[in-house]
Amino acid sequence: MGRSQESFNKKNVRNKKEKKRKEKEEKRMARKEAEKKSPDDMIAYVDEHGRITDAPPDPSDKEEIDAEDIELGVPTRDEEDDNPVRKGTVSFFNDAKGYGFIKDLETKQNLFVHINNCHDEIKEGNMVTFEIGAGQKGPAAMNVKLHK
C-alpha cells in the first residue's frame, strides 16, 4: 500500500530497473543455451587444398600411402654442381663504398660482392669467376677473380 503514494518518476525508475533485470536474465539464459552445444558443432576440417571447412572429408577420396615412401630428414640436393666456381658479369660496382652486384650467368641471380672478397680490381661489365658463399644478409660472391 505504500506504493500508491509514489511519484511518477519513482515508478518510471522502478519499471526501468525491472526491465533491465529481465533483459539481463534473458541474456544469461541465452548464454547458457549456447554453452549446451555439443563439441561436434565446434569441429573444423581441413580439405586437401588446406582450406578450413565445416564438412568432414569424403572417405572415398582418401589415398593409401606406404610408410616406406615417406622420406625423413633433410632432403638431398640434386642440383649441386661438382665445380663450385661460377661465371658472371658485374652489373654494378661502387668503388667509393666498396661493394657491388654480380649477375650469375647460369641462374641469372644477382649476388652481393664486397671488395674484401675480390682478388682483382673489378668494374661494371667485367666477366668474373666466383664462388657462392653465405653473406650477412644472404648469398654473396666469394673469391672473385677476373675471367680471362
C-alpha atoms as a PDB file:
ATOM      1  CA  MET A   1       0.000   0.000   0.000  1.00  0.00           C
ATOM      2  CA  GLY A   2       2.956   2.255   0.369  1.00  0.00           C
ATOM      3  CA  ARG A   3       3.426   2.325  -3.379  1.00  0.00           C
ATOM      4  CA  SER A   4       0.247   4.214  -4.040  1.00  0.00           C
ATOM      5  CA  GLN A   5       1.896   7.378  -2.853  1.00  0.00           C
ATOM      6  CA  GLU A   6       4.938   7.006  -5.176  1.00  0.00           C
ATOM      7  CA  SER A   7       5.555   9.750  -7.656  1.00  0.00           C
ATOM      8  CA  PHE A   8       5.529   9.170 -11.400  1.00  0.00           C
ATOM      9  CA  ASN A   9       9.320   9.478 -11.548  1.00  0.00           C
ATOM     10  CA  LYS A  10       9.831   6.793  -8.892  1.00  0.00           C
ATOM     11  CA  LYS A  11       7.504   4.396 -10.758  1.00  0.00           C
ATOM     12  CA  ASN A  12       9.339   5.097 -14.013  1.00  0.00           C
ATOM     13  CA  VAL A  13      12.746   4.363 -12.429  1.00  0.00           C
ATOM     14  CA  ARG A  14      11.434   1.140 -10.833  1.00  0.00           C
ATOM     15  CA  ASN A  15       9.974  -0.029 -14.174  1.00  0.00           C
ATOM     16  CA  LYS A  16      13.269   0.670 -15.980  1.00  0.00           C
ATOM     17  CA  LYS A  17      15.219  -1.307 -13.357  1.00  0.00           C
ATOM     18  CA  GLU A  18      12.789  -4.208 -13.661  1.00  0.00           C
ATOM     19  CA  LYS A  19      13.037  -4.165 -17.465  1.00  0.00           C
ATOM     20  CA  LYS A  20      16.838  -4.099 -17.310  1.00  0.00           C
ATOM     21  CA  ARG A  21      16.873  -7.009 -14.845  1.00  0.00           C
ATOM     22  CA  LYS A  22      14.639  -9.087 -17.143  1.00  0.00           C
ATOM     23  CA  GLU A  23      16.856  -8.347 -20.189  1.00  0.00           C
ATOM     24  CA  LYS A  24      19.937  -9.363 -18.222  1.00  0.00           C
ATOM     25  CA  GLU A  25      18.257 -12.604 -17.159  1.00  0.00           C
ATOM     26  CA  GLU A  26      17.287 -13.366 -20.790  1.00  0.00           C
ATOM     27  CA  LYS A  27      20.877 -12.799 -21.969  1.00  0.00           C
ATOM     28  CA  ARG A  28      22.172 -15.095 -19.221  1.00  0.00           C
ATOM     29  CA  MET A  29      19.722 -17.817 -20.247  1.00  0.00           C
ATOM     30  CA  ALA A  30      20.722 -17.402 -23.917  1.00  0.00           C
ATOM     31  CA  ARG A  31      24.404 -17.823 -22.987  1.00  0.00           C
ATOM     32  CA  LYS A  32      23.559 -20.959 -21.027  1.00  0.00           C
ATOM     33  CA  GLU A  33      21.734 -22.391 -24.045  1.00  0.00           C
ATOM     34  CA  ALA A  34      24.688 -21.560 -26.287  1.00  0.00           C
ATOM     35  CA  GLU A  35      27.050 -23.401 -23.935  1.00  0.00           C
ATOM     36  CA  LYS A  36      24.949 -26.559 -24.202  1.00  0.00           C
ATOM     37  CA  LYS A  37      26.073 -27.100 -27.819  1.00  0.00           C
ATOM     38  CA  SER A  38      27.864 -30.352 -28.443  1.00  0.00           C
ATOM     39  CA  PRO A  39      31.592 -30.469 -29.221  1.00  0.00           C
ATOM     40  CA  ASP A  40      30.729 -31.803 -32.688  1.00  0.00           C
ATOM     41  CA  ASP A  41      29.381 -28.345 -33.582  1.00  0.00           C
ATOM     42  CA  MET A  42      32.803 -26.835 -32.925  1.00  0.00           C
ATOM     43  CA  ILE A  43      34.869 -29.225 -35.095  1.00  0.00           C
ATOM     44  CA  ALA A  44      36.564 -27.845 -38.211  1.00  0.00           C
ATOM     45  CA  TYR A  45      38.121 -29.891 -41.019  1.00  0.00           C
ATOM     46  CA  VAL A  46      40.955 -29.127 -43.423  1.00  0.00           C
ATOM     47  CA  ASP A  47      40.437 -30.156 -47.052  1.00  0.00           C
ATOM     48  CA  GLU A  48      43.121 -31.342 -49.499  1.00  0.00           C
ATOM     49  CA  HIS A  49      43.862 -27.736 -50.538  1.00  0.00           C
ATOM     50  CA  GLY A  50      44.485 -26.564 -46.956  1.00  0.00           C
ATOM     51  CA  ARG A  51      41.206 -24.650 -46.549  1.00  0.00           C
ATOM     52  CA  ILE A  52      39.188 -24.914 -43.323  1.00  0.00           C
ATOM     53  CA  THR A  53      35.673 -26.279 -43.802  1.00  0.00           C
ATOM     54  CA  ASP A  54      32.842 -27.476 -41.585  1.00  0.00           C
ATOM     55  CA  ALA A  55      32.133 -30.577 -43.714  1.00  0.00           C
ATOM     56  CA  PRO A  56      34.064 -33.792 -42.999  1.00  0.00           C
ATOM     57  CA  PRO A  57      36.241 -35.154 -45.833  1.00  0.00           C
ATOM     58  CA  ASP A  58      34.841 -37.753 -48.201  1.00  0.00           C
ATOM     59  CA  PRO A  59      36.283 -41.186 -47.262  1.00  0.00           C
ATOM     60  CA  SER A  60      36.326 -42.266 -50.919  1.00  0.00           C
ATOM     61  CA  ASP A  61      38.873 -39.505 -51.727  1.00  0.00           C
ATOM     62  CA  LYS A  62      41.497 -40.930 -49.361  1.00  0.00           C
ATOM     63  CA  GLU A  63      44.585 -42.469 -50.918  1.00  0.00           C
ATOM     64  CA  GLU A  64      46.829 -45.114 -49.409  1.00  0.00           C
ATOM     65  CA  ILE A  65      50.450 -44.164 -48.702  1.00  0.00           C
ATOM     66  CA  ASP A  66      53.163 -46.666 -47.859  1.00  0.00           C
ATOM     67  CA  ALA A  67      55.222 -45.784 -44.803  1.00  0.00           C
ATOM     68  CA  GLU A  68      58.418 -46.724 -46.677  1.00  0.00           C
ATOM     69  CA  ASP A  69      57.755 -43.985 -49.282  1.00  0.00           C
ATOM     70  CA  ILE A  70      57.915 -41.197 -46.697  1.00  0.00           C
ATOM     71  CA  GLU A  71      61.372 -39.609 -46.536  1.00  0.00           C
ATOM     72  CA  LEU A  72      62.510 -38.470 -43.123  1.00  0.00           C
ATOM     73  CA  GLY A  73      65.299 -35.955 -42.591  1.00  0.00           C
ATOM     74  CA  VAL A  74      66.829 -33.248 -44.717  1.00  0.00           C
ATOM     75  CA  PRO A  75      66.333 -33.811 -48.464  1.00  0.00           C
ATOM     76  CA  THR A  76      69.454 -34.137 -50.583  1.00  0.00           C
ATOM     77  CA  ARG A  77      70.198 -31.511 -53.208  1.00  0.00           C
ATOM     78  CA  ASP A  78      70.317 -32.957 -56.710  1.00  0.00           C
ATOM     79  CA  GLU A  79      71.353 -29.705 -58.386  1.00  0.00           C
ATOM     80  CA  GLU A  80      74.685 -29.474 -56.540  1.00  0.00           C
ATOM     81  CA  ASP A  81      77.490 -28.819 -59.036  1.00  0.00           C
ATOM     82  CA  ASP A  82      80.864 -30.579 -58.918  1.00  0.00           C
ATOM     83  CA  ASN A  83      82.553 -27.293 -59.815  1.00  0.00           C
ATOM     84  CA  PRO A  84      81.700 -24.578 -57.281  1.00  0.00           C
ATOM     85  CA  VAL A  85      83.304 -21.863 -59.458  1.00  0.00           C
ATOM     86  CA  ARG A  86      80.732 -19.891 -61.438  1.00  0.00           C
ATOM     87  CA  LYS A  87      80.880 -17.209 -64.091  1.00  0.00           C
ATOM     88  CA  GLY A  88      79.039 -13.920 -64.145  1.00  0.00           C
ATOM     89  CA  THR A  89      79.142 -10.267 -65.097  1.00  0.00           C
ATOM     90  CA  VAL A  90      79.493  -7.310 -62.765  1.00  0.00           C
ATOM     91  CA  SER A  91      76.180  -5.459 -63.063  1.00  0.00           C
ATOM     92  CA  PHE A  92      77.011  -2.710 -60.541  1.00  0.00           C
ATOM     93  CA  PHE A  93      80.081  -1.779 -58.527  1.00  0.00           C
ATOM     94  CA  ASN A  94      80.745   1.314 -56.385  1.00  0.00           C
ATOM     95  CA  ASP A  95      84.479   1.849 -55.835  1.00  0.00           C
ATOM     96  CA  ALA A  96      83.932   4.530 -53.194  1.00  0.00           C
ATOM     97  CA  LYS A  97      81.802   2.281 -50.989  1.00  0.00           C
ATOM     98  CA  GLY A  98      83.500  -0.985 -51.925  1.00  0.00           C
ATOM     99  CA  TYR A  99      80.539  -3.161 -52.862  1.00  0.00           C
ATOM    100  CA  GLY A 100      78.512  -4.210 -55.901  1.00  0.00           C
ATOM    101  CA  PHE A 101      76.474  -6.940 -57.531  1.00  0.00           C
ATOM    102  CA  ILE A 102      77.332  -9.782 -59.886  1.00  0.00           C
ATOM    103  CA  LYS A 103      74.751 -11.417 -62.158  1.00  0.00           C
ATOM    104  CA  ASP A 104      75.278 -15.190 -62.365  1.00  0.00           C
ATOM    105  CA  LEU A 105      75.200 -16.411 -65.993  1.00  0.00           C
ATOM    106  CA  GLU A 106      73.591 -19.779 -65.139  1.00  0.00           C
ATOM    107  CA  THR A 107      70.887 -18.823 -62.668  1.00  0.00           C
ATOM    108  CA  LYS A 108      70.512 -15.101 -63.588  1.00  0.00           C
ATOM    109  CA  GLN A 109      70.667 -14.391 -59.838  1.00  0.00           C
ATOM    110  CA  ASN A 110      72.142 -11.118 -58.555  1.00  0.00           C
ATOM    111  CA  LEU A 111      74.727 -11.732 -55.840  1.00  0.00           C
ATOM    112  CA  PHE A 112      76.235  -9.203 -53.462  1.00  0.00           C
ATOM    113  CA  VAL A 113      80.017  -8.774 -53.652  1.00  0.00           C
ATOM    114  CA  HIS A 114      82.287  -6.845 -51.263  1.00  0.00           C
ATOM    115  CA  ILE A 115      85.703  -5.517 -52.191  1.00  0.00           C
ATOM    116  CA  ASN A 116      87.286  -7.690 -49.465  1.00  0.00           C
ATOM    117  CA  ASN A 117      86.213 -10.806 -51.424  1.00  0.00           C
ATOM    118  CA  CYS A 118      87.831  -9.613 -54.694  1.00  0.00           C
ATOM    119  CA  HIS A 119      91.318 -10.758 -55.713  1.00  0.00           C
ATOM    120  CA  ASP A 120      91.430  -8.455 -58.758  1.00  0.00           C
ATOM    121  CA  GLU A 121      90.151  -4.948 -59.353  1.00  0.00           C
ATOM    122  CA  ILE A 122      86.690  -5.202 -60.950  1.00  0.00           C
ATOM    123  CA  LYS A 123      84.462  -2.706 -62.752  1.00  0.00           C
ATOM    124  CA  GLU A 124      80.946  -2.753 -64.196  1.00  0.00           C
ATOM    125  CA  GLY A 125      80.611  -5.029 -67.224  1.00  0.00           C
ATOM    126  CA  ASN A 126      83.616  -7.253 -66.362  1.00  0.00           C
ATOM    127  CA  MET A 127      83.329 -11.033 -66.726  1.00  0.00           C
ATOM    128  CA  VAL A 128      84.346 -12.669 -63.441  1.00  0.00           C
ATOM    129  CA  THR A 129      84.598 -16.099 -61.852  1.00  0.00           C
ATOM    130  CA  PHE A 130      83.420 -16.537 -58.271  1.00  0.00           C
ATOM    131  CA  GLU A 131      82.125 -18.929 -55.662  1.00  0.00           C
ATOM    132  CA  ILE A 132      78.837 -18.574 -53.799  1.00  0.00           C
ATOM    133  CA  GLY A 133      79.071 -18.278 -50.042  1.00  0.00           C
ATOM    134  CA  ALA A 134      76.972 -17.083 -47.146  1.00  0.00           C
ATOM    135  CA  GLY A 135      76.993 -13.329 -46.592  1.00  0.00           C
ATOM    136  CA  GLN A 136      75.472 -11.325 -43.747  1.00  0.00           C
ATOM    137  CA  LYS A 137      72.081 -10.977 -45.426  1.00  0.00           C
ATOM    138  CA  GLY A 138      72.041 -13.946 -47.800  1.00  0.00           C
ATOM    139  CA  PRO A 139      74.146 -15.474 -50.578  1.00  0.00           C
ATOM    140  CA  ALA A 140      77.223 -13.496 -51.604  1.00  0.00           C
ATOM    141  CA  ALA A 141      80.048 -13.858 -54.115  1.00  0.00           C
ATOM    142  CA  MET A 142      83.391 -15.001 -52.673  1.00  0.00           C
ATOM    143  CA  ASN A 143      86.869 -15.336 -54.236  1.00  0.00           C
ATOM    144  CA  VAL A 144      86.002 -13.023 -57.142  1.00  0.00           C
ATOM    145  CA  LYS A 145      88.597 -13.003 -59.976  1.00  0.00           C
ATOM    146  CA  LEU A 146      88.578 -11.521 -63.455  1.00  0.00           C
ATOM    147  CA  HIS A 147      87.765 -14.125 -66.125  1.00  0.00           C
ATOM    148  CA  LYS A 148      90.387 -14.291 -68.867  1.00  0.00           C
END
